[in-house]
Structure formats: structure tokens, C-alpha cells
């Protein structure tokens, strides 16, 4: 019984570790910062059940912590546009593009990125 429990614990730990690695490879990436300057391009679509979904598409200049620029495109899956003038931290993955975003305060943006955003 003791060997079984040890074996089970090893399997669970290995499985959890594999999931963490997969998540970081698939969803992880580099951080970029943008400021919302437009309302985005509104699109609507329906799923197979007939539910209507609204999203807003954005294509904006983004800056990493060193101030290096990259134009990123992403979607806001909300019924309304993202708040104008809001700062966002985007996670960009080479294979998946932008995988996530979150609103951040100006004070949380690295200085070089903020300088670029203010001058853009």
C-alpha cells in the first residue's frame, strides 16, 4: 500500500509538472504594454446554438520593457470597447500571438515602455 501511494504521488507530481510546462509554452510569452487609443473594430458572430458574441479588434503599437516596438493585434471579448486611454499588459507568444491581457496602472509600466507610449 505504501508503494502504491508513493507511486500515485509521483504520477500526480509528474502530471502537474507537465501541465505547468505545457501552459507556459502555449500561453506564456513576452510582456508588452499598450495604451488603448481607439474603440477597436466591432464584430459580431454566432455560435452553433445561435448565441451572439461581440468582440472588438485592436491593432496597436506595443512596447516591451526595453522600449522595443512591435505592432500587436488582439481582440477584446466584451460587449463594449476597452476603455480608451487604459494601459494594458499583453502576453505575446510567437506561435499564438496575444494570449492574454490585463489592465495595469501607469506606475506599473517599465520606464522605457512608458516613455515610448507617451511619445507614440
PDB file of N, CA and C in Angstrom:
ATOM      1  N   UNK A   1       0.815  -1.194   0.000  1.00  0.00           N
ATOM      2  CA  UNK A   1       0.000   0.000   0.000  1.00  0.00           C
ATOM      3  C   UNK A   1       0.858   1.257   0.000  1.00  0.00           C
ATOM      4  N   UNK A   2       1.951   1.209   0.746  1.00  0.00           N
ATOM      5  CA  UNK A   2       2.841   2.353   0.840  1.00  0.00           C
ATOM      6  C   UNK A   2       3.478   2.644  -0.527  1.00  0.00           C
ATOM      7  N   UNK A   3       3.906   1.581  -1.244  1.00  0.00           N
ATOM      8  CA  UNK A   3       4.492   1.755  -2.566  1.00  0.00           C
ATOM      9  C   UNK A   3       3.468   2.325  -3.546  1.00  0.00           C
ATOM     10  N   UNK A   4       2.223   1.879  -3.422  1.00  0.00           N
ATOM     11  CA  UNK A   4       1.157   2.384  -4.288  1.00  0.00           C
ATOM     12  C   UNK A   4       0.960   3.877  -4.079  1.00  0.00           C
ATOM     13  N   UNK A   5       0.913   4.318  -2.828  1.00  0.00           N
ATOM     14  CA  UNK A   5       0.729   5.738  -2.534  1.00  0.00           C
ATOM     15  C   UNK A   5       1.904   6.579  -3.023  1.00  0.00           C
ATOM     16  N   UNK A   6       3.106   6.059  -2.856  1.00  0.00           N
ATOM     17  CA  UNK A   6       4.290   6.770  -3.350  1.00  0.00           C
ATOM     18  C   UNK A   6       4.235   6.861  -4.879  1.00  0.00           C
ATOM     19  N   UNK A   7       3.893   5.769  -5.523  1.00  0.00           N
ATOM     20  CA  UNK A   7       3.762   5.760  -6.987  1.00  0.00           C
ATOM     21  C   UNK A   7       2.696   6.728  -7.467  1.00  0.00           C
ATOM     22  N   UNK A   8       1.569   6.754  -6.776  1.00  0.00           N
ATOM     23  CA  UNK A   8       0.479   7.663  -7.129  1.00  0.00           C
ATOM     24  C   UNK A   8       0.929   9.112  -6.961  1.00  0.00           C
ATOM     25  N   UNK A   9       1.635   9.406  -5.890  1.00  0.00           N
ATOM     26  CA  UNK A   9       2.124  10.764  -5.651  1.00  0.00           C
ATOM     27  C   UNK A   9       3.094  11.184  -6.755  1.00  0.00           C
ATOM     28  N   UNK A  10       3.963  10.283  -7.186  1.00  0.00           N
ATOM     29  CA  UNK A  10       4.919  10.582  -8.252  1.00  0.00           C
ATOM     30  C   UNK A  10       4.175  10.866  -9.557  1.00  0.00           C
ATOM     31  N   UNK A  11       3.179  10.049  -9.866  1.00  0.00           N
ATOM     32  CA  UNK A  11       2.404  10.249 -11.097  1.00  0.00           C
ATOM     33  C   UNK A  11       1.688  11.599 -11.066  1.00  0.00           C
ATOM     34  N   UNK A  12       1.104  11.951  -9.942  1.00  0.00           N
ATOM     35  CA  UNK A  12       0.402  13.229  -9.820  1.00  0.00           C
ATOM     36  C   UNK A  12       1.381  14.388  -9.968  1.00  0.00           C
ATOM     37  N   UNK A  13       2.526  14.318  -9.321  1.00  0.00           N
ATOM     38  CA  UNK A  13       3.514  15.389  -9.415  1.00  0.00           C
ATOM     39  C   UNK A  13       4.073  15.537 -10.829  1.00  0.00           C
ATOM     40  N   UNK A  14       4.349  14.437 -11.492  1.00  0.00           N
ATOM     41  CA  UNK A  14       4.859  14.487 -12.864  1.00  0.00           C
ATOM     42  C   UNK A  14       3.791  15.059 -13.791  1.00  0.00           C
ATOM     43  N   UNK A  15       2.555  14.625 -13.616  1.00  0.00           N
ATOM     44  CA  UNK A  15       1.453  15.146 -14.434  1.00  0.00           C
ATOM     45  C   UNK A  15       1.266  16.637 -14.234  1.00  0.00           C
ATOM     46  N   UNK A  16       1.312  17.080 -12.982  1.00  0.00           N
ATOM     47  CA  UNK A  16       1.167  18.507 -12.685  1.00  0.00           C
ATOM     48  C   UNK A  16       2.310  19.298 -13.300  1.00  0.00           C
ATOM     49  N   UNK A  17       3.522  18.783 -13.195  1.00  0.00           N
ATOM     50  CA  UNK A  17       4.679  19.458 -13.782  1.00  0.00           C
ATOM     51  C   UNK A  17       4.556  19.563 -15.296  1.00  0.00           C
ATOM     52  N   UNK A  18       4.091  18.511 -15.938  1.00  0.00           N
ATOM     53  CA  UNK A  18       3.905  18.527 -17.393  1.00  0.00           C
ATOM     54  C   UNK A  18       2.852  19.556 -17.787  1.00  0.00           C
ATOM     55  N   UNK A  19       1.778  19.658 -17.025  1.00  0.00           N
ATOM     56  CA  UNK A  19       0.742  20.652 -17.316  1.00  0.00           C
ATOM     57  C   UNK A  19       1.285  22.069 -17.176  1.00  0.00           C
ATOM     58  N   UNK A  20       2.083  22.310 -16.158  1.00  0.00           N
ATOM     59  CA  UNK A  20       2.673  23.638 -15.958  1.00  0.00           C
ATOM     60  C   UNK A  20       3.594  24.007 -17.119  1.00  0.00           C
ATOM     61  N   UNK A  21       4.388  23.055 -17.567  1.00  0.00           N
ATOM     62  CA  UNK A  21       5.298  23.304 -18.690  1.00  0.00           C
ATOM     63  C   UNK A  21       4.495  23.573 -19.958  1.00  0.00           C
ATOM     64  N   UNK A  22       3.485  22.763 -20.209  1.00  0.00           N
ATOM     65  CA  UNK A  22       2.648  22.952 -21.401  1.00  0.00           C
ATOM     66  C   UNK A  22       1.966  24.312 -21.375  1.00  0.00           C
ATOM     67  N   UNK A  23       1.459  24.711 -20.222  1.00  0.00           N
ATOM     68  CA  UNK A  23       0.791  26.010 -20.116  1.00  0.00           C
ATOM     69  C   UNK A  23       1.760  27.150 -20.386  1.00  0.00           C
ATOM     70  N   UNK A  24       2.970  27.068 -19.862  1.00  0.00           N
ATOM     71  CA  UNK A  24       3.924  28.152 -20.079  1.00  0.00           C
ATOM     72  C   UNK A  24       4.356  28.223 -21.539  1.00  0.00           C
ATOM     73  N   UNK A  25       4.451  27.081 -22.216  1.00  0.00           N
ATOM     74  CA  UNK A  25       4.832  27.077 -23.624  1.00  0.00           C
ATOM     75  C   UNK A  25       3.686  27.588 -24.486  1.00  0.00           C
ATOM     76  N   UNK A  26       2.464  27.160 -24.189  1.00  0.00           N
ATOM     77  CA  UNK A  26       1.310  27.526 -25.011  1.00  0.00           C
ATOM     78  C   UNK A  26       0.808  28.928 -24.675  1.00  0.00           C
ATOM     79  N   UNK A  27       0.652  29.240 -23.419  1.00  0.00           N
ATOM     80  CA  UNK A  27       0.046  30.506 -23.017  1.00  0.00           C
ATOM     81  C   UNK A  27       1.055  31.549 -22.558  1.00  0.00           C
ATOM     82  N   UNK A  28       2.248  31.146 -22.232  1.00  0.00           N
ATOM     83  CA  UNK A  28       3.257  32.080 -21.761  1.00  0.00           C
ATOM     84  C   UNK A  28       3.848  32.870 -22.916  1.00  0.00           C
ATOM     85  N   UNK A  29       4.693  33.806 -22.591  1.00  0.00           N
ATOM     86  CA  UNK A  29       5.337  34.583 -23.638  1.00  0.00           C
ATOM     87  C   UNK A  29       5.956  35.844 -23.083  1.00  0.00           C
ATOM     88  N   UNK A  30       6.193  36.785 -23.976  1.00  0.00           N
ATOM     89  CA  UNK A  30       6.822  38.049 -23.625  1.00  0.00           C
ATOM     90  C   UNK A  30       5.774  39.083 -23.255  1.00  0.00           C
ATOM     91  N   UNK A  31       6.131  39.980 -22.354  1.00  0.00           N
ATOM     92  CA  UNK A  31       5.221  41.043 -21.923  1.00  0.00           C
ATOM     93  C   UNK A  31       5.429  42.289 -22.775  1.00  0.00           C
ATOM     94  N   UNK A  32       4.323  42.847 -23.227  1.00  0.00           N
ATOM     95  CA  UNK A  32       4.308  44.106 -23.973  1.00  0.00           C
ATOM     96  C   UNK A  32       3.246  45.003 -23.356  1.00  0.00           C
ATOM     97  N   UNK A  33       3.419  46.305 -23.541  1.00  0.00           N
ATOM     98  CA  UNK A  33       2.497  47.280 -22.972  1.00  0.00           C
ATOM     99  C   UNK A  33       1.910  48.137 -24.084  1.00  0.00           C
ATOM    100  N   UNK A  34       0.605  48.372 -23.999  1.00  0.00           N
ATOM    101  CA  UNK A  34      -0.089  49.215 -24.972  1.00  0.00           C
ATOM    102  C   UNK A  34      -0.983  50.195 -24.235  1.00  0.00           C
ATOM    103  N   UNK A  35      -1.383  51.236 -24.955  1.00  0.00           N
ATOM    104  CA  UNK A  35      -2.405  52.142 -24.447  1.00  0.00           C
ATOM    105  C   UNK A  35      -3.542  52.120 -25.463  1.00  0.00           C
ATOM    106  N   UNK A  36      -4.759  51.925 -24.981  1.00  0.00           N
ATOM    107  CA  UNK A  36      -5.921  51.881 -25.858  1.00  0.00           C
ATOM    108  C   UNK A  36      -6.202  53.299 -26.353  1.00  0.00           C
ATOM    109  N   UNK A  37      -6.127  53.479 -27.659  1.00  0.00           N
ATOM    110  CA  UNK A  37      -6.315  54.803 -28.247  1.00  0.00           C
ATOM    111  C   UNK A  37      -7.504  54.848 -29.201  1.00  0.00           C
ATOM    112  N   UNK A  38      -8.121  53.698 -29.468  1.00  0.00           N
ATOM    113  CA  UNK A  38      -9.265  53.631 -30.381  1.00  0.00           C
ATOM    114  C   UNK A  38     -10.374  52.810 -29.741  1.00  0.00           C
ATOM    115  N   UNK A  39     -11.540  52.834 -30.369  1.00  0.00           N
ATOM    116  CA  UNK A  39     -12.641  51.976 -29.905  1.00  0.00           C
ATOM    117  C   UNK A  39     -12.523  50.564 -30.442  1.00  0.00           C
ATOM    118  N   UNK A  40     -11.591  50.314 -31.321  1.00  0.00           N
ATOM    119  CA  UNK A  40     -11.450  48.996 -31.917  1.00  0.00           C
ATOM    120  C   UNK A  40     -12.486  48.787 -33.011  1.00  0.00           C
ATOM    121  N   UNK A  41     -12.335  47.710 -33.735  1.00  0.00           N
ATOM    122  CA  UNK A  41     -13.259  47.367 -34.811  1.00  0.00           C
ATOM    123  C   UNK A  41     -14.243  46.321 -34.298  1.00  0.00           C
ATOM    124  N   UNK A  42     -15.511  46.676 -34.230  1.00  0.00           N
ATOM    125  CA  UNK A  42     -16.534  45.807 -33.663  1.00  0.00           C
ATOM    126  C   UNK A  42     -16.951  44.734 -34.669  1.00  0.00           C
ATOM    127  N   UNK A  43     -16.997  43.495 -34.190  1.00  0.00           N
ATOM    128  CA  UNK A  43     -17.531  42.393 -34.989  1.00  0.00           C
ATOM    129  C   UNK A  43     -18.448  41.557 -34.106  1.00  0.00           C
ATOM    130  N   UNK A  44     -19.429  40.944 -34.732  1.00  0.00           N
ATOM    131  CA  UNK A  44     -20.315  40.027 -34.007  1.00  0.00           C
ATOM    132  C   UNK A  44     -20.344  38.704 -34.744  1.00  0.00           C
ATOM    133  N   UNK A  45     -20.552  37.646 -33.993  1.00  0.00           N
ATOM    134  CA  UNK A  45     -20.643  36.317 -34.586  1.00  0.00           C
ATOM    135  C   UNK A  45     -21.603  35.478 -33.764  1.00  0.00           C
ATOM    136  N   UNK A  46     -22.058  34.388 -34.371  1.00  0.00           N
ATOM    137  CA  UNK A  46     -22.974  33.466 -33.704  1.00  0.00           C
ATOM    138  C   UNK A  46     -22.310  32.107 -33.579  1.00  0.00           C
ATOM    139  N   UNK A  47     -22.604  31.435 -32.464  1.00  0.00           N
ATOM    140  CA  UNK A  47     -22.131  30.069 -32.334  1.00  0.00           C
ATOM    141  C   UNK A  47     -23.211  29.127 -32.885  1.00  0.00           C
ATOM    142  N   UNK A  48     -22.953  27.842 -32.819  1.00  0.00           N
ATOM    143  CA  UNK A  48     -23.885  26.853 -33.359  1.00  0.00           C
ATOM    144  C   UNK A  48     -25.237  26.861 -32.659  1.00  0.00           C
ATOM    145  N   UNK A  49     -25.276  27.354 -31.434  1.00  0.00           N
ATOM    146  CA  UNK A  49     -26.524  27.414 -30.673  1.00  0.00           C
ATOM    147  C   UNK A  49     -27.306  28.692 -30.931  1.00  0.00           C
ATOM    148  N   UNK A  50     -26.749  29.596 -31.733  1.00  0.00           N
ATOM    149  CA  UNK A  50     -27.421  30.849 -32.034  1.00  0.00           C
ATOM    150  C   UNK A  50     -27.084  31.990 -31.087  1.00  0.00           C
ATOM    151  N   UNK A  51     -26.190  31.771 -30.129  1.00  0.00           N
ATOM    152  CA  UNK A  51     -25.773  32.831 -29.216  1.00  0.00           C
ATOM    153  C   UNK A  51     -24.899  33.829 -29.974  1.00  0.00           C
ATOM    154  N   UNK A  52     -25.167  35.109 -29.783  1.00  0.00           N
ATOM    155  CA  UNK A  52     -24.422  36.166 -30.462  1.00  0.00           C
ATOM    156  C   UNK A  52     -23.297  36.652 -29.549  1.00  0.00           C
ATOM    157  N   UNK A  53     -22.102  36.773 -30.128  1.00  0.00           N
ATOM    158  CA  UNK A  53     -20.938  37.238 -29.390  1.00  0.00           C
ATOM    159  C   UNK A  53     -20.382  38.497 -30.054  1.00  0.00           C
ATOM    160  N   UNK A  54     -20.019  39.464 -29.236  1.00  0.00           N
ATOM    161  CA  UNK A  54     -19.422  40.701 -29.719  1.00  0.00           C
ATOM    162  C   UNK A  54     -17.964  40.741 -29.298  1.00  0.00           C
ATOM    163  N   UNK A  55     -17.128  41.213 -30.198  1.00  0.00           N
ATOM    164  CA  UNK A  55     -15.726  41.415 -29.855  1.00  0.00           C
ATOM    165  C   UNK A  55     -15.221  42.651 -30.572  1.00  0.00           C
ATOM    166  N   UNK A  56     -14.153  43.216 -30.039  1.00  0.00           N
ATOM    167  CA  UNK A  56     -13.531  44.397 -30.625  1.00  0.00           C
ATOM    168  C   UNK A  56     -12.088  44.045 -30.952  1.00  0.00           C
ATOM    169  N   UNK A  57     -11.701  44.313 -32.188  1.00  0.00           N
ATOM    170  CA  UNK A  57     -10.351  44.005 -32.656  1.00  0.00           C
ATOM    171  C   UNK A  57      -9.486  45.262 -32.584  1.00  0.00           C
ATOM    172  N   UNK A  58      -8.288  45.104 -32.049  1.00  0.00           N
ATOM    173  CA  UNK A  58      -7.339  46.210 -31.908  1.00  0.00           C
ATOM    174  C   UNK A  58      -6.028  45.840 -32.584  1.00  0.00           C
ATOM    175  N   UNK A  59      -5.406  46.809 -33.214  1.00  0.00           N
ATOM    176  CA  UNK A  59      -4.056  46.662 -33.760  1.00  0.00           C
ATOM    177  C   UNK A  59      -3.304  47.913 -33.336  1.00  0.00           C
ATOM    178  N   UNK A  60      -2.416  47.753 -32.359  1.00  0.00           N
ATOM    179  CA  UNK A  60      -1.771  48.901 -31.727  1.00  0.00           C
ATOM    180  C   UNK A  60      -0.271  48.673 -31.566  1.00  0.00           C
ATOM    181  N   UNK A  61       0.504  49.760 -31.514  1.00  0.00           N
ATOM    182  CA  UNK A  61       1.925  49.617 -31.206  1.00  0.00           C
ATOM    183  C   UNK A  61       2.087  49.233 -29.738  1.00  0.00           C
ATOM    184  N   UNK A  62       2.933  48.247 -29.501  1.00  0.00           N
ATOM    185  CA  UNK A  62       3.189  47.770 -28.143  1.00  0.00           C
ATOM    186  C   UNK A  62       4.695  47.837 -27.897  1.00  0.00           C
ATOM    187  N   UNK A  63       5.062  47.952 -26.623  1.00  0.00           N
ATOM    188  CA  UNK A  63       6.471  48.112 -26.266  1.00  0.00           C
ATOM    189  C   UNK A  63       6.839  47.156 -25.148  1.00  0.00           C
ATOM    190  N   UNK A  64       8.025  46.540 -25.284  1.00  0.00           N
ATOM    191  CA  UNK A  64       8.495  45.669 -24.212  1.00  0.00           C
ATOM    192  C   UNK A  64       9.189  46.514 -23.146  1.00  0.00           C
ATOM    193  N   UNK A  65       9.740  45.876 -22.135  1.00  0.00           N
ATOM    194  CA  UNK A  65      10.345  46.613 -21.016  1.00  0.00           C
ATOM    195  C   UNK A  65      11.562  47.435 -21.429  1.00  0.00           C
ATOM    196  N   UNK A  66      12.148  47.104 -22.590  1.00  0.00           N
ATOM    197  CA  UNK A  66      13.303  47.849 -23.094  1.00  0.00           C
ATOM    198  C   UNK A  66      12.907  48.940 -24.087  1.00  0.00           C
ATOM    199  N   UNK A  67      11.615  49.106 -24.317  1.00  0.00           N
ATOM    200  CA  UNK A  67      11.138  50.126 -25.241  1.00  0.00           C
ATOM    201  C   UNK A  67      11.097  49.682 -26.686  1.00  0.00           C
ATOM    202  N   UNK A  68      11.370  48.401 -26.937  1.00  0.00           N
ATOM    203  CA  UNK A  68      11.351  47.875 -28.300  1.00  0.00           C
ATOM    204  C   UNK A  68       9.902  47.740 -28.765  1.00  0.00           C
ATOM    205  N   UNK A  69       9.644  48.190 -29.993  1.00  0.00           N
ATOM    206  CA  UNK A  69       8.282  48.265 -30.524  1.00  0.00           C
ATOM    207  C   UNK A  69       7.900  47.018 -31.326  1.00  0.00           C
ATOM    208  N   UNK A  70       6.615  46.677 -31.253  1.00  0.00           N
ATOM    209  CA  UNK A  70       6.043  45.609 -32.065  1.00  0.00           C
ATOM    210  C   UNK A  70       4.568  45.942 -32.211  1.00  0.00           C
ATOM    211  N   UNK A  71       4.038  45.890 -33.422  1.00  0.00           N
ATOM    212  CA  UNK A  71       2.612  46.106 -33.620  1.00  0.00           C
ATOM    213  C   UNK A  71       1.899  44.788 -33.328  1.00  0.00           C
ATOM    214  N   UNK A  72       0.982  44.831 -32.374  1.00  0.00           N
ATOM    215  CA  UNK A  72       0.261  43.627 -31.971  1.00  0.00           C
ATOM    216  C   UNK A  72      -1.225  43.788 -32.249  1.00  0.00           C
ATOM    217  N   UNK A  73      -1.846  42.691 -32.649  1.00  0.00           N
ATOM    218  CA  UNK A  73      -3.289  42.726 -32.807  1.00  0.00           C
ATOM    219  C   UNK A  73      -3.903  41.715 -31.846  1.00  0.00           C
ATOM    220  N   UNK A  74      -5.033  42.116 -31.274  1.00  0.00           N
ATOM    221  CA  UNK A  74      -5.712  41.272 -30.296  1.00  0.00           C
ATOM    222  C   UNK A  74      -7.184  41.647 -30.255  1.00  0.00           C
ATOM    223  N   UNK A  75      -7.961  40.795 -29.622  1.00  0.00           N
ATOM    224  CA  UNK A  75      -9.405  41.011 -29.510  1.00  0.00           C
ATOM    225  C   UNK A  75      -9.808  41.200 -28.065  1.00  0.00           C
ATOM    226  N   UNK A  76     -10.739  42.127 -27.855  1.00  0.00           N
ATOM    227  CA  UNK A  76     -11.374  42.300 -26.557  1.00  0.00           C
ATOM    228  C   UNK A  76     -12.740  41.634 -26.641  1.00  0.00           C
ATOM    229  N   UNK A  77     -12.939  40.587 -25.885  1.00  0.00           N
ATOM    230  CA  UNK A  77     -14.192  39.827 -25.935  1.00  0.00           C
ATOM    231  C   UNK A  77     -15.163  40.372 -24.902  1.00  0.00           C
ATOM    232  N   UNK A  78     -15.708  41.545 -25.189  1.00  0.00           N
ATOM    233  CA  UNK A  78     -16.655  42.202 -24.296  1.00  0.00           C
ATOM    234  C   UNK A  78     -17.758  42.810 -25.134  1.00  0.00           C
ATOM    235  N   UNK A  79     -18.829  43.178 -24.491  1.00  0.00           N
ATOM    236  CA  UNK A  79     -19.953  43.807 -25.177  1.00  0.00           C
ATOM    237  C   UNK A  79     -19.680  45.275 -25.506  1.00  0.00           C
ATOM    238  N   UNK A  80     -18.605  45.808 -24.972  1.00  0.00           N
ATOM    239  CA  UNK A  80     -18.263  47.205 -25.195  1.00  0.00           C
ATOM    240  C   UNK A  80     -16.770  47.298 -25.477  1.00  0.00           C
ATOM    241  N   UNK A  81     -16.333  48.400 -26.099  1.00  0.00           N
ATOM    242  CA  UNK A  81     -14.893  48.548 -26.356  1.00  0.00           C
ATOM    243  C   UNK A  81     -14.106  48.654 -25.053  1.00  0.00           C
ATOM    244  N   UNK A  82     -12.824  48.347 -25.145  1.00  0.00           N
ATOM    245  CA  UNK A  82     -11.953  48.555 -23.990  1.00  0.00           C
ATOM    246  C   UNK A  82     -11.878  50.049 -23.709  1.00  0.00           C
ATOM    247  N   UNK A  83     -11.650  50.391 -22.455  1.00  0.00           N
ATOM    248  CA  UNK A  83     -11.642  51.790 -22.027  1.00  0.00           C
ATOM    249  C   UNK A  83     -10.497  52.550 -22.694  1.00  0.00           C
ATOM    250  N   UNK A  84     -10.862  53.653 -23.374  1.00  0.00           N
ATOM    251  CA  UNK A  84      -9.837  54.481 -24.016  1.00  0.00           C
ATOM    252  C   UNK A  84      -8.887  55.041 -22.963  1.00  0.00           C
ATOM    253  N   UNK A  85      -7.638  55.153 -23.360  1.00  0.00           N
ATOM    254  CA  UNK A  85      -6.538  55.654 -22.534  1.00  0.00           C
ATOM    255  C   UNK A  85      -6.060  54.638 -21.491  1.00  0.00           C
ATOM    256  N   UNK A  86      -6.707  53.483 -21.397  1.00  0.00           N
ATOM    257  CA  UNK A  86      -6.276  52.456 -20.447  1.00  0.00           C
ATOM    258  C   UNK A  86      -4.945  51.863 -20.910  1.00  0.00           C
ATOM    259  N   UNK A  87      -4.108  51.511 -19.951  1.00  0.00           N
ATOM    260  CA  UNK A  87      -2.864  50.808 -20.240  1.00  0.00           C
ATOM    261  C   UNK A  87      -3.095  49.320 -20.029  1.00  0.00           C
ATOM    262  N   UNK A  88      -2.602  48.510 -20.969  1.00  0.00           N
ATOM    263  CA  UNK A  88      -2.725  47.069 -20.855  1.00  0.00           C
ATOM    264  C   UNK A  88      -1.349  46.423 -20.913  1.00  0.00           C
ATOM    265  N   UNK A  89      -1.220  45.350 -20.161  1.00  0.00           N
ATOM    266  CA  UNK A  89      -0.040  44.488 -20.270  1.00  0.00           C
ATOM    267  C   UNK A  89      -0.498  43.260 -21.055  1.00  0.00           C
ATOM    268  N   UNK A  90       0.127  43.031 -22.209  1.00  0.00           N
ATOM    269  CA  UNK A  90      -0.215  41.904 -23.065  1.00  0.00           C
ATOM    270  C   UNK A  90       0.833  40.816 -22.918  1.00  0.00           C
ATOM    271  N   UNK A  91       0.404  39.578 -23.010  1.00  0.00           N
ATOM    272  CA  UNK A  91       1.334  38.465 -23.095  1.00  0.00           C
ATOM    273  C   UNK A  91       1.303  38.002 -24.546  1.00  0.00           C
ATOM    274  N   UNK A  92       2.473  38.064 -25.201  1.00  0.00           N
ATOM    275  CA  UNK A  92       2.583  37.713 -26.613  1.00  0.00           C
ATOM    276  C   UNK A  92       3.437  36.469 -26.764  1.00  0.00           C
ATOM    277  N   UNK A  93       2.915  35.514 -27.524  1.00  0.00           N
ATOM    278  CA  UNK A  93       3.573  34.244 -27.776  1.00  0.00           C
ATOM    279  C   UNK A  93       3.820  34.139 -29.274  1.00  0.00           C
ATOM    280  N   UNK A  94       5.016  33.748 -29.673  1.00  0.00           N
ATOM    281  CA  UNK A  94       5.370  33.698 -31.091  1.00  0.00           C
ATOM    282  C   UNK A  94       4.433  32.796 -31.892  1.00  0.00           C
ATOM    283  N   UNK A  95       3.962  31.724 -31.316  1.00  0.00           N
ATOM    284  CA  UNK A  95       3.095  30.793 -32.046  1.00  0.00           C
ATOM    285  C   UNK A  95       1.619  31.164 -31.967  1.00  0.00           C
ATOM    286  N   UNK A  96       1.189  31.750 -30.859  1.00  0.00           N
ATOM    287  CA  UNK A  96      -0.232  32.024 -30.637  1.00  0.00           C
ATOM    288  C   UNK A  96      -0.606  33.497 -30.746  1.00  0.00           C
ATOM    289  N   UNK A  97       0.364  34.396 -30.800  1.00  0.00           N
ATOM    290  CA  UNK A  97       0.058  35.826 -30.784  1.00  0.00           C
ATOM    291  C   UNK A  97      -0.233  36.274 -29.363  1.00  0.00           C
ATOM    292  N   UNK A  98      -1.166  37.197 -29.204  1.00  0.00           N
ATOM    293  CA  UNK A  98      -1.519  37.684 -27.865  1.00  0.00           C
ATOM    294  C   UNK A  98      -2.394  36.625 -27.195  1.00  0.00           C
ATOM    295  N   UNK A  99      -1.928  36.125 -26.062  1.00  0.00           N
ATOM    296  CA  UNK A  99      -2.668  35.075 -25.360  1.00  0.00           C
ATOM    297  C   UNK A  99      -3.451  35.602 -24.171  1.00  0.00           C
ATOM    298  N   UNK A 100      -3.094  36.800 -23.684  1.00  0.00           N
ATOM    299  CA  UNK A 100      -3.839  37.375 -22.566  1.00  0.00           C
ATOM    300  C   UNK A 100      -3.519  38.857 -22.450  1.00  0.00           C
ATOM    301  N   UNK A 101      -4.393  39.555 -21.734  1.00  0.00           N
ATOM    302  CA  UNK A 101      -4.136  40.954 -21.428  1.00  0.00           C
ATOM    303  C   UNK A 101      -4.773  41.289 -20.100  1.00  0.00           C
ATOM    304  N   UNK A 102      -4.216  42.307 -19.454  1.00  0.00           N
ATOM    305  CA  UNK A 102      -4.778  42.805 -18.207  1.00  0.00           C
ATOM    306  C   UNK A 102      -4.494  44.294 -18.117  1.00  0.00           C
ATOM    307  N   UNK A 103      -5.432  45.026 -17.523  1.00  0.00           N
ATOM    308  CA  UNK A 103      -5.225  46.463 -17.351  1.00  0.00           C
ATOM    309  C   UNK A 103      -4.223  46.673 -16.224  1.00  0.00           C
ATOM    310  N   UNK A 104      -3.303  47.623 -16.437  1.00  0.00           N
ATOM    311  CA  UNK A 104      -2.305  47.960 -15.428  1.00  0.00           C
ATOM    312  C   UNK A 104      -2.305  49.467 -15.221  1.00  0.00           C
ATOM    313  N   UNK A 105      -1.779  49.868 -14.091  1.00  0.00           N
ATOM    314  CA  UNK A 105      -1.651  51.293 -13.785  1.00  0.00           C
ATOM    315  C   UNK A 105      -0.370  51.824 -14.423  1.00  0.00           C
ATOM    316  N   UNK A 106      -0.355  53.099 -14.717  1.00  0.00           N
ATOM    317  CA  UNK A 106       0.801  53.737 -15.349  1.00  0.00           C
ATOM    318  C   UNK A 106       2.081  53.480 -14.560  1.00  0.00           C
ATOM    319  N   UNK A 107       1.983  53.499 -13.238  1.00  0.00           N
ATOM    320  CA  UNK A 107       3.175  53.318 -12.392  1.00  0.00           C
ATOM    321  C   UNK A 107       3.758  51.901 -12.485  1.00  0.00           C
ATOM    322  N   UNK A 108       2.973  50.949 -13.010  1.00  0.00           N
ATOM    323  CA  UNK A 108       3.431  49.565 -13.116  1.00  0.00           C
ATOM    324  C   UNK A 108       4.095  49.254 -14.462  1.00  0.00           C
ATOM    325  N   UNK A 109       4.174  50.249 -15.337  1.00  0.00           N
ATOM    326  CA  UNK A 109       4.774  50.052 -16.657  1.00  0.00           C
ATOM    327  C   UNK A 109       6.256  50.392 -16.572  1.00  0.00           C
ATOM    328  N   UNK A 110       7.140  49.533 -17.108  1.00  0.00           N
ATOM    329  CA  UNK A 110       8.571  49.849 -17.104  1.00  0.00           C
ATOM    330  C   UNK A 110       8.837  51.201 -17.777  1.00  0.00           C
ATOM    331  N   UNK A 111       9.812  51.932 -17.270  1.00  0.00           N
ATOM    332  CA  UNK A 111      10.087  53.308 -17.695  1.00  0.00           C
ATOM    333  C   UNK A 111      10.283  53.446 -19.205  1.00  0.00           C
ATOM    334  N   UNK A 112      11.063  52.562 -19.813  1.00  0.00           N
ATOM    335  CA  UNK A 112      11.336  52.684 -21.253  1.00  0.00           C
ATOM    336  C   UNK A 112      10.067  52.463 -22.072  1.00  0.00           C
ATOM    337  N   UNK A 113       9.241  51.528 -21.667  1.00  0.00           N
ATOM    338  CA  UNK A 113       7.978  51.286 -22.374  1.00  0.00           C
ATOM    339  C   UNK A 113       7.047  52.480 -22.208  1.00  0.00           C
ATOM    340  N   UNK A 114       6.987  53.020 -21.006  1.00  0.00           N
ATOM    341  CA  UNK A 114       6.110  54.165 -20.736  1.00  0.00           C
ATOM    342  C   UNK A 114       6.541  55.391 -21.541  1.00  0.00           C
ATOM    343  N   UNK A 115       7.834  55.615 -21.641  1.00  0.00           N
ATOM    344  CA  UNK A 115       8.352  56.726 -22.439  1.00  0.00           C
ATOM    345  C   UNK A 115       7.887  56.602 -23.887  1.00  0.00           C
ATOM    346  N   UNK A 116       7.959  55.402 -24.420  1.00  0.00           N
ATOM    347  CA  UNK A 116       7.511  55.172 -25.800  1.00  0.00           C
ATOM    348  C   UNK A 116       6.003  55.374 -25.938  1.00  0.00           C
ATOM    349  N   UNK A 117       5.242  54.891 -24.968  1.00  0.00           N
ATOM    350  CA  UNK A 117       3.788  55.033 -25.022  1.00  0.00           C
ATOM    351  C   UNK A 117       3.372  56.502 -24.947  1.00  0.00           C
ATOM    352  N   UNK A 118       4.066  57.262 -24.146  1.00  0.00           N
ATOM    353  CA  UNK A 118       3.744  58.686 -24.009  1.00  0.00           C
ATOM    354  C   UNK A 118       4.105  59.464 -25.269  1.00  0.00           C
ATOM    355  N   UNK A 119       5.144  58.999 -25.977  1.00  0.00           N
ATOM    356  CA  UNK A 119       5.576  59.676 -27.194  1.00  0.00           C
ATOM    357  C   UNK A 119       4.877  59.175 -28.446  1.00  0.00           C
ATOM    358  N   UNK A 120       4.185  58.059 -28.326  1.00  0.00           N
ATOM    359  CA  UNK A 120       3.553  57.459 -29.515  1.00  0.00           C
ATOM    360  C   UNK A 120       2.279  58.155 -29.894  1.00  0.00           C
TER     361      UNK A 120
END
